[in-house]
N, C-alpha and C. Protein backbone atom coordinates (compact mmCIF):
# COMPACT_ATOMS: atom_id res chain seq x y z
N MET A 1 0.82 -1.20 0.00
CA MET A 1 0.00 0.00 0.00
C MET A 1 0.87 1.26 0.00
N GLN A 2 1.94 1.26 0.81
CA GLN A 2 2.83 2.41 0.88
C GLN A 2 3.48 2.69 -0.47
N SER A 3 3.89 1.65 -1.20
CA SER A 3 4.54 1.86 -2.49
C SER A 3 3.57 2.44 -3.51
N ARG A 4 2.29 2.14 -3.42
CA ARG A 4 1.31 2.71 -4.35
C ARG A 4 1.15 4.20 -4.12
N ARG A 5 1.27 4.66 -2.88
CA ARG A 5 1.15 6.09 -2.59
C ARG A 5 2.34 6.87 -3.17
N LEU A 6 3.47 6.22 -3.35
CA LEU A 6 4.65 6.90 -3.85
C LEU A 6 4.67 7.01 -5.37
N ILE A 7 3.90 6.19 -6.06
CA ILE A 7 3.92 6.17 -7.52
C ILE A 7 3.47 7.50 -8.12
N LEU A 8 2.36 8.05 -7.66
CA LEU A 8 1.86 9.31 -8.22
C LEU A 8 2.85 10.45 -8.00
N PRO A 9 3.40 10.69 -6.79
CA PRO A 9 4.39 11.77 -6.64
C PRO A 9 5.63 11.57 -7.50
N ILE A 10 6.07 10.34 -7.68
CA ILE A 10 7.25 10.08 -8.51
C ILE A 10 6.95 10.46 -9.95
N PHE A 11 5.81 10.03 -10.49
CA PHE A 11 5.46 10.38 -11.87
C PHE A 11 5.25 11.88 -12.04
N LEU A 12 4.65 12.54 -11.04
CA LEU A 12 4.49 13.99 -11.12
C LEU A 12 5.84 14.70 -11.10
N SER A 13 6.76 14.23 -10.28
CA SER A 13 8.10 14.83 -10.22
C SER A 13 8.84 14.68 -11.54
N ILE A 14 8.78 13.48 -12.13
CA ILE A 14 9.43 13.25 -13.42
C ILE A 14 8.80 14.12 -14.50
N GLY A 15 7.49 14.23 -14.51
CA GLY A 15 6.80 15.07 -15.49
C GLY A 15 7.17 16.54 -15.34
N CYS A 16 7.24 17.04 -14.10
CA CYS A 16 7.63 18.44 -13.87
C CYS A 16 9.07 18.68 -14.31
N PHE A 17 9.94 17.72 -14.05
CA PHE A 17 11.34 17.84 -14.46
C PHE A 17 11.44 18.02 -15.96
N PHE A 18 10.76 17.15 -16.73
CA PHE A 18 10.82 17.25 -18.19
C PHE A 18 10.12 18.51 -18.69
N ALA A 19 9.06 18.94 -18.04
CA ALA A 19 8.37 20.16 -18.47
C ALA A 19 9.23 21.39 -18.25
N LEU A 20 9.99 21.42 -17.15
CA LEU A 20 10.82 22.58 -16.84
C LEU A 20 12.11 22.62 -17.63
N PHE A 21 12.75 21.47 -17.82
CA PHE A 21 14.08 21.45 -18.40
C PHE A 21 14.15 21.01 -19.85
N ALA A 22 13.07 20.51 -20.40
CA ALA A 22 13.06 20.14 -21.82
C ALA A 22 12.72 21.40 -22.61
N SER A 23 13.61 21.79 -23.50
CA SER A 23 13.37 22.96 -24.33
C SER A 23 13.91 22.66 -25.72
N PRO A 24 13.50 23.42 -26.70
CA PRO A 24 14.02 23.19 -28.05
C PRO A 24 15.54 23.33 -28.07
N SER A 25 16.20 22.49 -28.83
CA SER A 25 17.66 22.52 -28.86
C SER A 25 18.19 23.81 -29.46
N ALA A 26 17.40 24.51 -30.23
CA ALA A 26 17.87 25.77 -30.81
C ALA A 26 18.07 26.84 -29.75
N ALA A 27 17.39 26.72 -28.61
CA ALA A 27 17.50 27.73 -27.55
C ALA A 27 18.76 27.55 -26.72
N LEU A 28 19.41 26.41 -26.83
CA LEU A 28 20.60 26.14 -26.03
C LEU A 28 21.84 26.22 -26.90
N PRO A 29 23.01 26.52 -26.29
CA PRO A 29 24.22 26.58 -27.08
C PRO A 29 24.58 25.22 -27.66
N ALA A 30 25.25 25.22 -28.83
CA ALA A 30 25.67 23.98 -29.46
C ALA A 30 26.81 23.36 -28.67
N GLY A 31 26.96 22.06 -28.75
CA GLY A 31 28.06 21.38 -28.06
C GLY A 31 27.71 21.06 -26.62
N PRO A 32 28.73 20.76 -25.83
CA PRO A 32 28.50 20.39 -24.44
C PRO A 32 27.82 21.52 -23.66
N LYS A 33 26.97 21.17 -22.74
CA LYS A 33 26.22 22.14 -21.94
C LYS A 33 26.85 22.38 -20.59
N ALA A 34 27.77 21.51 -20.17
CA ALA A 34 28.38 21.64 -18.85
C ALA A 34 29.72 20.91 -18.85
N ASP A 35 30.53 21.22 -17.84
CA ASP A 35 31.75 20.46 -17.64
C ASP A 35 32.04 20.33 -16.16
N VAL A 36 32.76 19.26 -15.83
CA VAL A 36 33.16 18.99 -14.45
C VAL A 36 34.68 18.84 -14.44
N PHE A 37 35.34 19.51 -13.51
CA PHE A 37 36.79 19.50 -13.40
C PHE A 37 37.20 18.92 -12.05
N LEU A 38 38.22 18.07 -12.05
CA LEU A 38 38.80 17.56 -10.81
C LEU A 38 40.30 17.48 -11.00
N GLY A 39 41.05 18.07 -10.07
CA GLY A 39 42.49 18.07 -10.25
C GLY A 39 43.27 18.52 -9.03
N TYR A 40 44.56 18.70 -9.24
CA TYR A 40 45.52 19.13 -8.23
C TYR A 40 45.52 20.66 -8.17
N SER A 41 45.72 21.20 -6.98
CA SER A 41 45.77 22.64 -6.82
C SER A 41 46.85 23.01 -5.82
N ARG A 42 47.47 24.16 -6.00
CA ARG A 42 48.55 24.63 -5.12
C ARG A 42 48.31 26.10 -4.78
N LEU A 43 48.30 26.38 -3.47
CA LEU A 43 48.27 27.75 -2.98
C LEU A 43 49.69 28.17 -2.66
N ASN A 44 50.07 29.39 -3.02
CA ASN A 44 51.39 29.87 -2.66
C ASN A 44 51.43 30.30 -1.20
N ALA A 45 52.61 30.60 -0.70
CA ALA A 45 52.83 30.90 0.72
C ALA A 45 52.00 32.09 1.19
N ASN A 46 51.54 32.01 2.42
CA ASN A 46 50.87 33.10 3.14
C ASN A 46 49.60 33.59 2.45
N THR A 47 48.89 32.72 1.78
CA THR A 47 47.67 33.15 1.12
C THR A 47 46.59 33.51 2.13
N PHE A 48 46.40 32.69 3.15
CA PHE A 48 45.38 32.97 4.16
C PHE A 48 45.97 33.34 5.51
N TYR A 49 47.10 32.79 5.89
CA TYR A 49 47.70 33.04 7.20
C TYR A 49 49.19 33.34 7.04
N PRO A 50 49.76 34.22 7.92
CA PRO A 50 51.19 34.49 7.85
C PRO A 50 52.00 33.27 8.27
N ASN A 51 53.19 33.16 7.73
CA ASN A 51 54.14 32.10 8.08
C ASN A 51 53.64 30.69 7.78
N VAL A 52 52.78 30.56 6.80
CA VAL A 52 52.30 29.25 6.35
C VAL A 52 52.79 29.08 4.92
N GLY A 53 53.60 28.06 4.70
CA GLY A 53 54.14 27.81 3.36
C GLY A 53 53.06 27.46 2.37
N GLY A 54 53.47 27.21 1.15
CA GLY A 54 52.52 26.82 0.12
C GLY A 54 51.79 25.55 0.49
N LEU A 55 50.52 25.49 0.18
CA LEU A 55 49.67 24.35 0.52
C LEU A 55 49.27 23.60 -0.73
N ASN A 56 49.35 22.27 -0.70
CA ASN A 56 48.92 21.40 -1.79
C ASN A 56 47.51 20.91 -1.51
N GLY A 57 46.78 20.58 -2.54
CA GLY A 57 45.43 20.05 -2.32
C GLY A 57 44.76 19.65 -3.62
N TRP A 58 43.46 19.52 -3.53
CA TRP A 58 42.65 19.14 -4.68
C TRP A 58 41.60 20.22 -4.90
N THR A 59 41.09 20.28 -6.10
CA THR A 59 40.01 21.21 -6.40
C THR A 59 39.04 20.54 -7.37
N GLY A 60 37.80 20.90 -7.23
CA GLY A 60 36.76 20.42 -8.13
C GLY A 60 35.86 21.57 -8.51
N ALA A 61 35.38 21.58 -9.74
CA ALA A 61 34.52 22.66 -10.20
C ALA A 61 33.50 22.11 -11.18
N MET A 62 32.36 22.79 -11.22
CA MET A 62 31.33 22.46 -12.21
C MET A 62 30.89 23.75 -12.88
N HIS A 63 30.86 23.72 -14.20
CA HIS A 63 30.46 24.87 -15.00
C HIS A 63 29.24 24.48 -15.82
N VAL A 64 28.22 25.31 -15.80
CA VAL A 64 27.01 25.08 -16.59
C VAL A 64 26.81 26.29 -17.49
N LYS A 65 26.66 26.03 -18.81
CA LYS A 65 26.42 27.12 -19.76
C LYS A 65 25.00 27.62 -19.62
N LEU A 66 24.84 28.92 -19.74
CA LEU A 66 23.52 29.53 -19.78
C LEU A 66 23.11 29.66 -21.24
N LYS A 67 21.97 30.24 -21.50
CA LYS A 67 21.49 30.35 -22.89
C LYS A 67 22.29 31.37 -23.70
N LYS A 68 23.04 32.22 -23.03
CA LYS A 68 23.91 33.17 -23.73
C LYS A 68 25.10 32.40 -24.29
N PRO A 69 25.68 32.81 -25.42
CA PRO A 69 26.72 32.01 -26.05
C PRO A 69 27.99 31.80 -25.22
N PHE A 70 28.44 32.79 -24.47
CA PHE A 70 29.71 32.68 -23.77
C PHE A 70 29.58 32.62 -22.26
N LEU A 71 28.41 32.93 -21.72
CA LEU A 71 28.22 33.08 -20.28
C LEU A 71 27.79 31.78 -19.62
N GLY A 72 28.35 31.53 -18.44
CA GLY A 72 27.98 30.37 -17.65
C GLY A 72 28.11 30.66 -16.17
N VAL A 73 27.76 29.68 -15.37
CA VAL A 73 27.87 29.76 -13.92
C VAL A 73 28.79 28.64 -13.47
N GLU A 74 29.69 28.96 -12.53
CA GLU A 74 30.67 27.99 -12.04
C GLU A 74 30.60 27.89 -10.52
N ALA A 75 30.74 26.67 -10.02
CA ALA A 75 30.88 26.42 -8.59
C ALA A 75 32.21 25.70 -8.38
N ASP A 76 32.95 26.08 -7.34
CA ASP A 76 34.30 25.59 -7.11
C ASP A 76 34.45 25.20 -5.64
N VAL A 77 35.01 24.01 -5.40
CA VAL A 77 35.31 23.54 -4.04
C VAL A 77 36.76 23.08 -4.04
N ALA A 78 37.52 23.48 -3.02
CA ALA A 78 38.92 23.09 -2.94
C ALA A 78 39.30 22.85 -1.48
N GLN A 79 40.27 21.96 -1.27
CA GLN A 79 40.80 21.72 0.07
C GLN A 79 42.31 21.64 -0.02
N PHE A 80 42.99 22.32 0.91
CA PHE A 80 44.44 22.41 0.90
C PHE A 80 45.00 22.02 2.25
N GLY A 81 46.22 21.50 2.27
CA GLY A 81 46.95 21.15 3.47
C GLY A 81 48.33 20.65 3.07
N LEU A 82 49.18 20.42 4.06
CA LEU A 82 50.53 19.96 3.75
C LEU A 82 50.76 18.51 4.13
N GLY A 83 49.74 17.78 4.41
CA GLY A 83 49.92 16.40 4.82
C GLY A 83 49.25 16.12 6.15
N ALA A 84 49.83 15.18 6.89
CA ALA A 84 49.19 14.71 8.12
C ALA A 84 49.57 15.52 9.35
N SER A 85 50.46 16.50 9.24
CA SER A 85 50.88 17.29 10.39
C SER A 85 49.70 18.06 10.97
N ALA A 86 49.50 17.95 12.28
CA ALA A 86 48.38 18.62 12.92
C ALA A 86 48.62 20.12 13.09
N THR A 87 49.87 20.59 12.91
CA THR A 87 50.15 22.01 13.08
C THR A 87 49.92 22.81 11.81
N VAL A 88 49.80 22.16 10.70
CA VAL A 88 49.59 22.85 9.43
C VAL A 88 48.09 23.03 9.20
N PRO A 89 47.67 24.24 8.85
CA PRO A 89 46.23 24.45 8.63
C PRO A 89 45.70 23.62 7.46
N LYS A 90 44.53 23.13 7.64
CA LYS A 90 43.76 22.51 6.56
C LYS A 90 42.75 23.58 6.15
N THR A 91 42.77 23.97 4.90
CA THR A 91 41.92 25.06 4.42
C THR A 91 40.97 24.54 3.37
N THR A 92 39.70 24.89 3.49
CA THR A 92 38.67 24.52 2.52
C THR A 92 38.02 25.80 2.00
N THR A 93 37.86 25.89 0.68
CA THR A 93 37.16 27.02 0.08
C THR A 93 35.97 26.51 -0.73
N VAL A 94 34.89 27.27 -0.70
CA VAL A 94 33.69 26.99 -1.49
C VAL A 94 33.28 28.31 -2.12
N MET A 95 33.27 28.35 -3.46
CA MET A 95 32.97 29.60 -4.16
C MET A 95 32.07 29.35 -5.37
N ALA A 96 31.41 30.40 -5.84
CA ALA A 96 30.58 30.33 -7.04
C ALA A 96 30.57 31.70 -7.70
N GLY A 97 30.30 31.70 -9.01
CA GLY A 97 30.21 32.97 -9.72
C GLY A 97 30.14 32.78 -11.22
N PRO A 98 30.15 33.90 -11.96
CA PRO A 98 30.04 33.85 -13.41
C PRO A 98 31.34 33.44 -14.09
N ARG A 99 31.20 32.86 -15.28
CA ARG A 99 32.36 32.46 -16.07
C ARG A 99 32.09 32.76 -17.54
N LEU A 100 33.06 33.36 -18.21
CA LEU A 100 33.00 33.62 -19.64
C LEU A 100 33.94 32.63 -20.33
N THR A 101 33.44 31.94 -21.36
CA THR A 101 34.23 30.93 -22.07
C THR A 101 34.17 31.17 -23.56
N VAL A 102 35.34 31.08 -24.20
CA VAL A 102 35.44 31.17 -25.65
C VAL A 102 36.15 29.91 -26.11
N GLY A 103 35.58 29.25 -27.12
CA GLY A 103 36.18 28.01 -27.59
C GLY A 103 36.29 27.95 -29.10
N ALA A 104 37.36 27.27 -29.54
CA ALA A 104 37.54 27.03 -30.98
C ALA A 104 38.39 25.78 -31.14
N MET A 105 38.00 24.90 -32.05
CA MET A 105 38.71 23.66 -32.36
C MET A 105 38.95 22.80 -31.11
N GLY A 106 38.00 22.80 -30.20
CA GLY A 106 38.11 21.99 -29.00
C GLY A 106 38.81 22.66 -27.84
N PHE A 107 39.59 23.71 -28.10
CA PHE A 107 40.26 24.45 -27.03
C PHE A 107 39.28 25.44 -26.42
N HIS A 108 39.32 25.62 -25.12
CA HIS A 108 38.46 26.58 -24.44
C HIS A 108 39.31 27.46 -23.53
N VAL A 109 39.16 28.77 -23.67
CA VAL A 109 39.80 29.73 -22.80
C VAL A 109 38.69 30.36 -21.97
N PHE A 110 38.91 30.49 -20.65
CA PHE A 110 37.87 31.05 -19.80
C PHE A 110 38.43 32.02 -18.79
N ALA A 111 37.54 32.90 -18.32
CA ALA A 111 37.83 33.83 -17.23
C ALA A 111 36.66 33.75 -16.26
N HIS A 112 36.95 33.79 -14.97
CA HIS A 112 35.87 33.73 -13.99
C HIS A 112 36.14 34.66 -12.82
N GLY A 113 35.06 34.99 -12.13
CA GLY A 113 35.10 35.74 -10.88
C GLY A 113 34.25 34.97 -9.89
N LEU A 114 34.87 34.46 -8.84
CA LEU A 114 34.17 33.62 -7.87
C LEU A 114 34.20 34.26 -6.49
N ALA A 115 33.18 34.03 -5.69
CA ALA A 115 33.15 34.51 -4.31
C ALA A 115 32.50 33.44 -3.45
N GLY A 116 32.89 33.40 -2.19
CA GLY A 116 32.31 32.40 -1.29
C GLY A 116 32.95 32.47 0.08
N GLY A 117 33.19 31.29 0.65
CA GLY A 117 33.72 31.23 2.00
C GLY A 117 34.94 30.33 2.10
N GLU A 118 35.71 30.55 3.19
CA GLU A 118 36.93 29.79 3.47
C GLU A 118 36.90 29.40 4.93
N HIS A 119 37.39 28.20 5.23
CA HIS A 119 37.54 27.76 6.61
C HIS A 119 38.87 27.06 6.78
N SER A 120 39.63 27.47 7.80
CA SER A 120 40.92 26.86 8.11
C SER A 120 40.92 26.43 9.56
N SER A 121 41.65 25.35 9.85
CA SER A 121 41.80 24.91 11.23
C SER A 121 43.03 24.03 11.35
N ASN A 122 43.62 24.02 12.57
CA ASN A 122 44.69 23.08 12.93
C ASN A 122 44.71 22.93 14.44
N SER A 123 45.65 22.14 14.95
CA SER A 123 45.67 21.84 16.39
C SER A 123 46.34 22.94 17.22
N THR A 124 46.99 23.93 16.60
CA THR A 124 47.68 24.95 17.37
C THR A 124 46.89 26.23 17.52
N GLY A 125 45.64 26.21 17.18
CA GLY A 125 44.80 27.37 17.43
C GLY A 125 44.36 28.14 16.20
N ILE A 126 44.93 27.88 15.06
CA ILE A 126 44.42 28.55 13.86
C ILE A 126 43.07 27.94 13.55
N SER A 127 42.06 28.76 13.61
CA SER A 127 40.73 28.30 13.26
C SER A 127 39.91 29.51 12.88
N GLY A 128 39.17 29.39 11.83
CA GLY A 128 38.33 30.51 11.45
C GLY A 128 37.85 30.38 10.03
N GLY A 129 37.02 31.32 9.70
CA GLY A 129 36.46 31.36 8.37
C GLY A 129 36.38 32.79 7.90
N ALA A 130 36.30 32.98 6.61
CA ALA A 130 36.25 34.32 6.06
C ALA A 130 35.63 34.29 4.68
N LEU A 131 35.21 35.47 4.24
CA LEU A 131 34.80 35.65 2.86
C LEU A 131 36.04 35.52 1.99
N VAL A 132 35.92 34.85 0.86
CA VAL A 132 37.05 34.66 -0.05
C VAL A 132 36.58 34.92 -1.48
N TYR A 133 37.49 35.42 -2.29
CA TYR A 133 37.16 35.60 -3.70
C TYR A 133 38.35 35.18 -4.55
N ALA A 134 38.05 34.82 -5.79
CA ALA A 134 39.07 34.41 -6.76
C ALA A 134 38.77 35.05 -8.10
N LEU A 135 39.81 35.60 -8.71
CA LEU A 135 39.72 36.16 -10.05
C LEU A 135 40.78 35.47 -10.89
N GLY A 136 40.38 34.90 -12.02
CA GLY A 136 41.38 34.20 -12.81
C GLY A 136 40.80 33.61 -14.06
N GLY A 137 41.49 32.59 -14.56
CA GLY A 137 41.05 31.94 -15.77
C GLY A 137 41.92 30.75 -16.10
N GLY A 138 41.71 30.21 -17.28
CA GLY A 138 42.48 29.04 -17.65
C GLY A 138 42.26 28.62 -19.08
N LEU A 139 42.87 27.49 -19.40
CA LEU A 139 42.82 26.92 -20.74
C LEU A 139 42.52 25.43 -20.63
N ASP A 140 41.53 24.97 -21.43
CA ASP A 140 41.22 23.55 -21.53
C ASP A 140 41.73 23.06 -22.89
N VAL A 141 42.59 22.04 -22.88
CA VAL A 141 43.19 21.47 -24.09
C VAL A 141 42.54 20.11 -24.33
N PRO A 142 41.94 19.87 -25.50
CA PRO A 142 41.26 18.60 -25.76
C PRO A 142 42.24 17.42 -25.81
N ILE A 143 41.81 16.29 -25.18
CA ILE A 143 42.61 15.06 -25.24
C ILE A 143 41.80 13.87 -25.75
N ALA A 144 40.49 13.98 -25.73
CA ALA A 144 39.58 12.94 -26.23
C ALA A 144 38.23 13.61 -26.47
N PRO A 145 37.26 12.93 -27.10
CA PRO A 145 35.99 13.60 -27.43
C PRO A 145 35.29 14.30 -26.27
N PHE A 146 35.26 13.70 -25.10
CA PHE A 146 34.56 14.32 -23.97
C PHE A 146 35.50 14.77 -22.87
N PHE A 147 36.80 14.68 -23.08
CA PHE A 147 37.77 14.99 -22.04
C PHE A 147 38.76 16.05 -22.50
N SER A 148 39.15 16.90 -21.56
CA SER A 148 40.17 17.92 -21.79
C SER A 148 41.09 17.96 -20.59
N TRP A 149 42.25 18.59 -20.77
CA TRP A 149 43.18 18.82 -19.66
C TRP A 149 43.18 20.31 -19.38
N ARG A 150 42.99 20.70 -18.11
CA ARG A 150 42.89 22.10 -17.73
C ARG A 150 44.14 22.57 -17.01
N VAL A 151 44.57 23.79 -17.34
CA VAL A 151 45.59 24.52 -16.61
C VAL A 151 44.96 25.86 -16.27
N ALA A 152 44.95 26.23 -14.97
CA ALA A 152 44.26 27.44 -14.55
C ALA A 152 45.05 28.17 -13.48
N GLY A 153 44.82 29.45 -13.37
CA GLY A 153 45.46 30.26 -12.35
C GLY A 153 44.48 31.30 -11.82
N ASP A 154 44.60 31.61 -10.53
CA ASP A 154 43.70 32.57 -9.88
C ASP A 154 44.46 33.45 -8.92
N TYR A 155 43.96 34.67 -8.75
CA TYR A 155 44.33 35.51 -7.63
C TYR A 155 43.29 35.20 -6.57
N LEU A 156 43.70 34.69 -5.42
CA LEU A 156 42.79 34.20 -4.38
C LEU A 156 43.06 34.97 -3.10
N SER A 157 42.03 35.54 -2.51
CA SER A 157 42.23 36.34 -1.31
C SER A 157 41.02 36.30 -0.39
N ALA A 158 41.30 36.38 0.90
CA ALA A 158 40.29 36.58 1.93
C ALA A 158 40.60 37.94 2.55
N PRO A 159 39.95 39.02 2.11
CA PRO A 159 40.35 40.38 2.47
C PRO A 159 40.48 40.64 3.97
N THR A 160 39.66 40.02 4.79
CA THR A 160 39.74 40.28 6.23
C THR A 160 40.79 39.44 6.92
N GLN A 161 41.41 38.51 6.23
CA GLN A 161 42.30 37.56 6.87
C GLN A 161 43.65 37.39 6.18
N SER A 162 43.72 37.55 4.88
CA SER A 162 44.96 37.33 4.13
C SER A 162 46.01 38.37 4.49
N PRO A 163 47.26 37.94 4.78
CA PRO A 163 48.32 38.92 5.03
C PRO A 163 48.67 39.69 3.77
N ALA A 164 49.03 40.96 3.94
CA ALA A 164 49.38 41.80 2.79
C ALA A 164 50.61 41.26 2.07
N THR A 165 51.49 40.54 2.78
CA THR A 165 52.71 40.02 2.17
C THR A 165 52.50 38.71 1.44
N GLY A 166 51.31 38.16 1.48
CA GLY A 166 51.05 36.87 0.82
C GLY A 166 51.05 37.00 -0.69
N SER A 167 51.28 35.88 -1.35
CA SER A 167 51.31 35.88 -2.81
C SER A 167 49.91 35.76 -3.42
N HIS A 168 48.97 35.21 -2.69
CA HIS A 168 47.56 35.14 -3.08
C HIS A 168 47.32 34.46 -4.42
N SER A 169 48.15 33.51 -4.80
CA SER A 169 47.93 32.85 -6.08
C SER A 169 47.63 31.37 -5.89
N ARG A 170 46.81 30.87 -6.80
CA ARG A 170 46.45 29.46 -6.83
C ARG A 170 46.61 28.97 -8.25
N ILE A 171 47.28 27.83 -8.42
CA ILE A 171 47.37 27.20 -9.73
C ILE A 171 46.71 25.83 -9.63
N SER A 172 46.09 25.42 -10.71
CA SER A 172 45.37 24.14 -10.73
C SER A 172 45.58 23.46 -12.07
N THR A 173 45.57 22.15 -12.05
CA THR A 173 45.63 21.37 -13.29
C THR A 173 44.91 20.05 -13.07
N GLY A 174 44.28 19.54 -14.10
CA GLY A 174 43.58 18.28 -13.96
C GLY A 174 42.68 17.99 -15.15
N LEU A 175 41.82 17.01 -14.98
CA LEU A 175 40.96 16.48 -16.03
C LEU A 175 39.58 17.14 -16.04
N VAL A 176 39.10 17.44 -17.25
CA VAL A 176 37.78 18.02 -17.44
C VAL A 176 36.93 17.03 -18.22
N PHE A 177 35.71 16.78 -17.75
CA PHE A 177 34.75 15.94 -18.46
C PHE A 177 33.63 16.85 -18.95
N ARG A 178 33.36 16.85 -20.24
CA ARG A 178 32.31 17.68 -20.85
C ARG A 178 31.09 16.82 -21.20
N PHE A 179 29.93 17.35 -20.87
CA PHE A 179 28.69 16.65 -21.21
C PHE A 179 27.60 17.63 -21.56
């Protein structure tokens, strides 16, 4: 009896999904509609805290094209640290914002402006969060029909927390899947 009650809401949900997101293909940009990136990332010294060397980590991002030819929306998540040492801060950033992309012959060049939050913590008392922003861009080089290799760079800062002497740069590289 319980499973019969769930059938109608499931069919209504599927119907609403197709009604909202199904549109003529002419209204959407040609080619892939989105991409997902996962790769290695490096923060240079003193980006968020003084006397903290460069931090290694991973980053992931998702970009969705809007109906405009070059404009899209990007969400970015990254985590940095220097390994298992409890004295080194572990820093996580979560950001989102607009992205402009231009592509030709499979190559894509992009620029983005992202804003969001940052949280760092370790066992010696560094703990906190702040507003963070990133301005930068990158290049996607095709390696297979649905895959590209990305090289990107950003100016990354938390204005209320980043030391003035910090380098505030982030470089990233990794695999992009387009769909």
